[in-house]
N, C-alpha and C. Protein backbone atom coordinates (compact mmCIF):
# COMPACT_ATOMS: atom_id res chain seq x y z
N MET A 1 21.07 -24.33 0.35
CA MET A 1 19.80 -24.37 -0.39
C MET A 1 18.70 -23.57 0.32
N ASN A 2 18.63 -23.75 1.65
CA ASN A 2 17.64 -23.03 2.43
C ASN A 2 17.84 -21.52 2.31
N LYS A 3 19.10 -21.11 2.30
CA LYS A 3 19.44 -19.67 2.17
C LYS A 3 18.90 -19.12 0.85
N ILE A 4 19.05 -19.85 -0.21
CA ILE A 4 18.58 -19.41 -1.51
C ILE A 4 17.06 -19.34 -1.52
N LYS A 5 16.39 -20.32 -0.87
CA LYS A 5 14.93 -20.30 -0.81
C LYS A 5 14.47 -19.07 -0.05
N ASN A 6 15.13 -18.74 1.08
CA ASN A 6 14.77 -17.55 1.82
C ASN A 6 14.96 -16.29 1.03
N GLU A 7 16.08 -16.21 0.33
CA GLU A 7 16.34 -15.01 -0.51
C GLU A 7 15.25 -14.86 -1.58
N LEU A 8 14.96 -15.93 -2.26
CA LEU A 8 13.96 -15.88 -3.32
C LEU A 8 12.56 -15.54 -2.78
N ARG A 9 12.24 -16.12 -1.61
CA ARG A 9 10.95 -15.85 -0.99
C ARG A 9 10.85 -14.38 -0.61
N LEU A 10 11.88 -13.83 -0.01
CA LEU A 10 11.85 -12.44 0.39
C LEU A 10 11.74 -11.55 -0.84
N HIS A 11 12.54 -11.82 -1.83
CA HIS A 11 12.54 -10.99 -3.04
C HIS A 11 11.18 -11.08 -3.74
N ASN A 12 10.62 -12.28 -3.82
CA ASN A 12 9.30 -12.46 -4.46
C ASN A 12 8.21 -11.76 -3.67
N ASP A 13 8.30 -11.80 -2.33
CA ASP A 13 7.32 -11.06 -1.51
C ASP A 13 7.43 -9.56 -1.81
N HIS A 14 8.67 -9.04 -1.90
CA HIS A 14 8.87 -7.63 -2.20
C HIS A 14 8.25 -7.25 -3.54
N ARG A 15 8.47 -8.06 -4.52
CA ARG A 15 7.89 -7.78 -5.86
C ARG A 15 6.37 -7.78 -5.82
N LEU A 16 5.83 -8.81 -5.16
CA LEU A 16 4.39 -8.92 -5.04
C LEU A 16 3.82 -7.70 -4.30
N TRP A 17 4.40 -7.36 -3.19
CA TRP A 17 3.91 -6.22 -2.40
C TRP A 17 3.98 -4.92 -3.21
N ASN A 18 5.10 -4.71 -3.88
CA ASN A 18 5.20 -3.49 -4.69
C ASN A 18 4.13 -3.45 -5.77
N SER A 19 3.85 -4.57 -6.37
CA SER A 19 2.82 -4.63 -7.41
C SER A 19 1.43 -4.31 -6.81
N GLU A 20 1.14 -4.91 -5.67
CA GLU A 20 -0.15 -4.65 -5.03
C GLU A 20 -0.26 -3.17 -4.64
N LEU A 21 0.79 -2.63 -4.06
CA LEU A 21 0.76 -1.23 -3.65
C LEU A 21 0.64 -0.29 -4.84
N SER A 22 1.29 -0.64 -5.95
CA SER A 22 1.16 0.17 -7.17
C SER A 22 -0.29 0.14 -7.68
N LEU A 23 -0.91 -1.00 -7.60
CA LEU A 23 -2.32 -1.11 -8.00
C LEU A 23 -3.18 -0.23 -7.12
N PHE A 24 -2.93 -0.22 -5.82
CA PHE A 24 -3.69 0.65 -4.91
C PHE A 24 -3.47 2.12 -5.29
N GLN A 25 -2.25 2.48 -5.62
CA GLN A 25 -1.96 3.86 -6.04
C GLN A 25 -2.74 4.23 -7.28
N ASP A 26 -2.79 3.34 -8.22
CA ASP A 26 -3.57 3.59 -9.46
C ASP A 26 -5.05 3.74 -9.18
N GLU A 27 -5.55 2.89 -8.29
CA GLU A 27 -6.96 2.99 -7.97
C GLU A 27 -7.28 4.28 -7.26
N LEU A 28 -6.38 4.73 -6.39
CA LEU A 28 -6.58 5.99 -5.66
C LEU A 28 -6.62 7.16 -6.65
N LYS A 29 -5.76 7.11 -7.66
CA LYS A 29 -5.82 8.19 -8.69
C LYS A 29 -7.17 8.21 -9.36
N SER A 30 -7.66 7.03 -9.69
CA SER A 30 -8.99 6.92 -10.33
C SER A 30 -10.08 7.43 -9.38
N PHE A 31 -9.98 7.09 -8.11
CA PHE A 31 -11.00 7.56 -7.13
C PHE A 31 -10.94 9.08 -7.02
N GLU A 32 -9.74 9.62 -7.01
CA GLU A 32 -9.60 11.09 -6.90
C GLU A 32 -10.22 11.79 -8.11
N LYS A 33 -10.03 11.24 -9.27
CA LYS A 33 -10.65 11.82 -10.47
C LYS A 33 -12.16 11.75 -10.37
N ARG A 34 -12.66 10.68 -9.85
CA ARG A 34 -14.11 10.53 -9.67
C ARG A 34 -14.64 11.58 -8.70
N LEU A 35 -13.87 11.84 -7.63
CA LEU A 35 -14.28 12.88 -6.67
C LEU A 35 -14.27 14.27 -7.32
N GLU A 36 -13.28 14.51 -8.16
CA GLU A 36 -13.23 15.82 -8.87
C GLU A 36 -14.50 16.04 -9.70
N GLU A 37 -14.94 14.97 -10.37
CA GLU A 37 -16.17 15.07 -11.16
C GLU A 37 -17.38 15.33 -10.29
N LEU A 38 -17.41 14.70 -9.12
CA LEU A 38 -18.54 14.91 -8.18
C LEU A 38 -18.60 16.32 -7.68
N VAL A 39 -17.42 16.91 -7.37
CA VAL A 39 -17.37 18.27 -6.88
C VAL A 39 -17.99 19.23 -7.91
N ILE A 40 -17.68 19.02 -9.14
CA ILE A 40 -18.18 19.88 -10.22
C ILE A 40 -19.70 19.79 -10.33
N HIS A 41 -20.23 18.58 -10.18
CA HIS A 41 -21.63 18.36 -10.47
C HIS A 41 -22.52 18.27 -9.23
N ASN A 42 -21.96 18.52 -8.07
CA ASN A 42 -22.79 18.36 -6.86
C ASN A 42 -22.46 19.46 -5.84
N SER A 43 -23.51 20.20 -5.48
CA SER A 43 -23.30 21.30 -4.52
C SER A 43 -23.90 21.01 -3.14
N ASP A 44 -24.47 19.84 -2.96
CA ASP A 44 -25.06 19.47 -1.67
C ASP A 44 -23.97 19.44 -0.58
N LEU A 45 -24.24 20.11 0.54
CA LEU A 45 -23.24 20.28 1.61
C LEU A 45 -22.87 18.91 2.18
N LYS A 46 -23.83 18.05 2.39
CA LYS A 46 -23.54 16.71 2.95
C LYS A 46 -22.65 15.90 2.04
N VAL A 47 -22.93 15.99 0.76
CA VAL A 47 -22.10 15.27 -0.22
C VAL A 47 -20.70 15.85 -0.24
N ARG A 48 -20.59 17.16 -0.19
CA ARG A 48 -19.26 17.81 -0.20
C ARG A 48 -18.45 17.42 1.04
N LYS A 49 -19.11 17.29 2.20
CA LYS A 49 -18.41 16.84 3.40
C LYS A 49 -17.89 15.41 3.23
N SER A 50 -18.68 14.62 2.63
CA SER A 50 -18.25 13.20 2.34
C SER A 50 -17.10 13.20 1.37
N ILE A 51 -17.18 14.05 0.37
CA ILE A 51 -16.08 14.15 -0.61
C ILE A 51 -14.79 14.57 0.09
N GLU A 52 -14.89 15.56 0.98
CA GLU A 52 -13.70 15.98 1.71
C GLU A 52 -13.15 14.88 2.59
N SER A 53 -14.03 14.14 3.19
CA SER A 53 -13.60 13.02 4.03
C SER A 53 -12.85 11.95 3.19
N PHE A 54 -13.40 11.65 2.04
CA PHE A 54 -12.73 10.69 1.17
C PHE A 54 -11.38 11.24 0.69
N GLN A 55 -11.31 12.52 0.34
CA GLN A 55 -10.07 13.11 -0.08
C GLN A 55 -9.00 12.94 1.04
N ASN A 56 -9.41 13.18 2.26
CA ASN A 56 -8.48 13.00 3.37
C ASN A 56 -8.03 11.55 3.51
N GLN A 57 -8.98 10.64 3.42
CA GLN A 57 -8.65 9.23 3.52
C GLN A 57 -7.73 8.79 2.38
N PHE A 58 -7.96 9.29 1.20
CA PHE A 58 -7.10 8.97 0.06
C PHE A 58 -5.70 9.49 0.28
N PHE A 59 -5.59 10.70 0.79
CA PHE A 59 -4.30 11.32 1.08
C PHE A 59 -3.52 10.46 2.08
N ILE A 60 -4.20 10.05 3.16
CA ILE A 60 -3.56 9.26 4.18
C ILE A 60 -3.11 7.92 3.59
N ASN A 61 -3.98 7.29 2.80
CA ASN A 61 -3.63 6.01 2.21
C ASN A 61 -2.44 6.12 1.25
N LYS A 62 -2.39 7.22 0.48
CA LYS A 62 -1.25 7.44 -0.41
C LYS A 62 0.06 7.54 0.38
N ASN A 63 0.00 8.22 1.52
CA ASN A 63 1.19 8.35 2.35
C ASN A 63 1.61 7.01 2.96
N VAL A 64 0.65 6.26 3.45
CA VAL A 64 0.97 4.93 3.99
C VAL A 64 1.56 4.03 2.93
N ILE A 65 1.00 4.03 1.74
CA ILE A 65 1.52 3.23 0.64
C ILE A 65 2.94 3.65 0.28
N SER A 66 3.19 4.94 0.25
CA SER A 66 4.50 5.45 -0.07
C SER A 66 5.53 4.99 1.00
N GLU A 67 5.13 5.06 2.27
CA GLU A 67 5.99 4.62 3.35
C GLU A 67 6.29 3.13 3.25
N LEU A 68 5.26 2.36 2.93
CA LEU A 68 5.45 0.90 2.79
C LEU A 68 6.41 0.57 1.63
N LYS A 69 6.23 1.25 0.53
CA LYS A 69 7.13 1.04 -0.62
C LYS A 69 8.59 1.40 -0.24
N ASN A 70 8.72 2.46 0.54
CA ASN A 70 10.05 2.86 0.98
C ASN A 70 10.63 1.80 1.92
N ASP A 71 9.82 1.28 2.84
CA ASP A 71 10.27 0.20 3.72
C ASP A 71 10.72 -1.02 2.95
N ILE A 72 9.97 -1.36 1.93
CA ILE A 72 10.29 -2.54 1.12
C ILE A 72 11.60 -2.30 0.40
N GLN A 73 11.78 -1.13 -0.17
CA GLN A 73 13.02 -0.83 -0.89
C GLN A 73 14.23 -0.87 0.06
N LYS A 74 14.11 -0.31 1.23
CA LYS A 74 15.18 -0.34 2.20
C LYS A 74 15.52 -1.75 2.60
N HIS A 75 14.49 -2.58 2.81
CA HIS A 75 14.71 -3.96 3.19
C HIS A 75 15.39 -4.73 2.09
N GLU A 76 14.98 -4.50 0.85
CA GLU A 76 15.60 -5.17 -0.30
C GLU A 76 17.10 -4.78 -0.37
N ILE A 77 17.39 -3.50 -0.17
CA ILE A 77 18.80 -3.05 -0.21
C ILE A 77 19.59 -3.66 0.94
N ASN A 78 19.01 -3.69 2.13
CA ASN A 78 19.71 -4.29 3.27
C ASN A 78 20.03 -5.78 3.05
N ILE A 79 19.07 -6.48 2.48
CA ILE A 79 19.31 -7.91 2.22
C ILE A 79 20.39 -8.07 1.14
N SER A 80 20.35 -7.25 0.13
CA SER A 80 21.37 -7.32 -0.94
C SER A 80 22.75 -7.03 -0.37
N LYS A 81 22.86 -6.01 0.45
CA LYS A 81 24.16 -5.69 1.09
C LYS A 81 24.64 -6.81 1.96
N LEU A 82 23.73 -7.34 2.74
CA LEU A 82 24.08 -8.44 3.64
C LEU A 82 24.59 -9.64 2.87
N LEU A 83 23.92 -9.99 1.80
CA LEU A 83 24.26 -11.20 1.08
C LEU A 83 25.52 -11.00 0.20
N SER A 84 25.83 -9.75 -0.13
CA SER A 84 27.02 -9.52 -0.93
C SER A 84 28.24 -9.32 -0.03
N GLY A 85 28.04 -9.23 1.27
CA GLY A 85 29.15 -9.04 2.21
C GLY A 85 29.72 -10.35 2.67
N HIS A 86 30.48 -10.27 3.77
CA HIS A 86 31.12 -11.46 4.32
C HIS A 86 30.11 -12.44 4.91
N ASN A 87 29.14 -11.90 5.62
CA ASN A 87 28.10 -12.76 6.20
C ASN A 87 26.99 -12.94 5.22
N LYS A 88 26.92 -14.10 4.64
CA LYS A 88 25.96 -14.34 3.58
C LYS A 88 24.67 -15.04 4.09
N GLU A 89 24.46 -14.92 5.38
CA GLU A 89 23.24 -15.54 5.97
C GLU A 89 22.28 -14.47 6.38
N LEU A 90 21.01 -14.75 6.15
CA LEU A 90 19.98 -13.83 6.66
C LEU A 90 19.84 -14.11 8.14
N ASN A 91 19.84 -13.04 8.93
CA ASN A 91 19.69 -13.24 10.36
C ASN A 91 18.23 -13.06 10.79
N SER A 92 17.98 -13.36 12.05
CA SER A 92 16.57 -13.31 12.52
C SER A 92 16.02 -11.89 12.48
N ASN A 93 16.89 -10.86 12.64
CA ASN A 93 16.42 -9.47 12.55
C ASN A 93 15.85 -9.19 11.18
N ASN A 94 16.52 -9.65 10.12
CA ASN A 94 16.03 -9.42 8.78
C ASN A 94 14.71 -10.13 8.54
N LEU A 95 14.62 -11.35 9.04
CA LEU A 95 13.39 -12.11 8.86
C LEU A 95 12.25 -11.53 9.70
N GLU A 96 12.55 -11.05 10.89
CA GLU A 96 11.54 -10.41 11.73
C GLU A 96 11.05 -9.13 11.08
N TYR A 97 11.97 -8.35 10.53
CA TYR A 97 11.58 -7.10 9.84
C TYR A 97 10.70 -7.41 8.64
N HIS A 98 11.05 -8.47 7.95
CA HIS A 98 10.25 -8.90 6.80
C HIS A 98 8.79 -9.24 7.24
N GLU A 99 8.70 -9.94 8.33
CA GLU A 99 7.36 -10.31 8.86
C GLU A 99 6.62 -9.06 9.34
N LEU A 100 7.34 -8.07 9.88
CA LEU A 100 6.73 -6.82 10.29
C LEU A 100 6.13 -6.10 9.07
N ILE A 101 6.92 -6.03 8.01
CA ILE A 101 6.42 -5.41 6.77
C ILE A 101 5.22 -6.19 6.24
N SER A 102 5.29 -7.49 6.28
CA SER A 102 4.21 -8.35 5.80
C SER A 102 2.93 -8.02 6.58
N GLY A 103 3.03 -7.84 7.86
CA GLY A 103 1.85 -7.51 8.68
C GLY A 103 1.29 -6.17 8.31
N LYS A 104 2.16 -5.21 8.06
CA LYS A 104 1.73 -3.87 7.66
C LYS A 104 1.04 -3.91 6.29
N ILE A 105 1.58 -4.73 5.39
CA ILE A 105 0.98 -4.86 4.07
C ILE A 105 -0.43 -5.46 4.19
N GLU A 106 -0.56 -6.51 4.98
CA GLU A 106 -1.85 -7.15 5.17
C GLU A 106 -2.85 -6.18 5.78
N MET A 107 -2.41 -5.38 6.72
CA MET A 107 -3.28 -4.41 7.32
C MET A 107 -3.72 -3.36 6.31
N GLN A 108 -2.78 -2.91 5.45
CA GLN A 108 -3.10 -1.93 4.44
C GLN A 108 -4.08 -2.50 3.41
N LYS A 109 -3.92 -3.77 3.08
CA LYS A 109 -4.86 -4.40 2.16
C LYS A 109 -6.28 -4.35 2.71
N GLN A 110 -6.40 -4.65 3.98
CA GLN A 110 -7.74 -4.64 4.62
C GLN A 110 -8.29 -3.20 4.66
N VAL A 111 -7.45 -2.27 5.07
CA VAL A 111 -7.87 -0.86 5.15
C VAL A 111 -8.31 -0.40 3.80
N PHE A 112 -7.54 -0.74 2.75
CA PHE A 112 -7.88 -0.28 1.43
C PHE A 112 -9.15 -0.95 0.90
N ALA A 113 -9.32 -2.22 1.19
CA ALA A 113 -10.55 -2.93 0.78
C ALA A 113 -11.77 -2.29 1.43
N ASP A 114 -11.65 -1.97 2.72
CA ASP A 114 -12.77 -1.31 3.41
C ASP A 114 -13.05 0.07 2.82
N LEU A 115 -12.01 0.84 2.56
CA LEU A 115 -12.18 2.16 1.97
C LEU A 115 -12.84 2.08 0.62
N LYS A 116 -12.39 1.15 -0.18
CA LYS A 116 -12.93 0.96 -1.54
C LYS A 116 -14.40 0.62 -1.48
N LYS A 117 -14.75 -0.26 -0.59
CA LYS A 117 -16.14 -0.67 -0.41
C LYS A 117 -16.99 0.53 0.02
N GLU A 118 -16.48 1.29 0.99
CA GLU A 118 -17.18 2.49 1.47
C GLU A 118 -17.31 3.54 0.36
N PHE A 119 -16.28 3.68 -0.48
CA PHE A 119 -16.32 4.67 -1.54
C PHE A 119 -17.32 4.25 -2.63
N TYR A 120 -17.37 2.97 -2.97
CA TYR A 120 -18.32 2.53 -3.98
C TYR A 120 -19.74 2.69 -3.46
N ALA A 121 -19.96 2.42 -2.17
CA ALA A 121 -21.29 2.60 -1.58
C ALA A 121 -21.70 4.09 -1.65
N PHE A 122 -20.72 4.98 -1.38
CA PHE A 122 -20.98 6.41 -1.48
C PHE A 122 -21.34 6.80 -2.92
N LEU A 123 -20.60 6.32 -3.89
CA LEU A 123 -20.87 6.60 -5.28
C LEU A 123 -22.23 6.16 -5.70
N THR A 124 -22.64 4.97 -5.22
CA THR A 124 -23.96 4.45 -5.51
C THR A 124 -25.07 5.38 -5.02
N LYS A 125 -24.85 5.99 -3.88
CA LYS A 125 -25.86 6.89 -3.32
C LYS A 125 -25.94 8.23 -4.05
N VAL A 126 -24.80 8.75 -4.48
CA VAL A 126 -24.78 10.13 -5.00
C VAL A 126 -24.86 10.19 -6.55
N VAL A 127 -24.66 9.10 -7.21
CA VAL A 127 -24.68 9.14 -8.66
C VAL A 127 -26.01 8.71 -9.18
């Protein structure tokens, strides 16, 4: 019974994380479109430097999100292979790796929340 709970918990975490990361990706697309509009309508050098900085931060965040999604997918595959094989128990390495991904996800949530707050503050100033 405990094994099934662990499997379900891990799988549910993966689904939740993927959903959250997909939401971040969608928001980044929206932010990038907003920056494109600002570039067209604003020639101030200081504003353009800020726009470039945000573009760089968005690029970095998209890469981090992509890496996290890849890590989640690999972990899901490893767990599936493990459970379909002879050894049907999750070992401590799998659970530790899951916790490592969890920590990375939480860190990305905070980084993204800070970036979003900073971006909205920037928009308030320039619009």
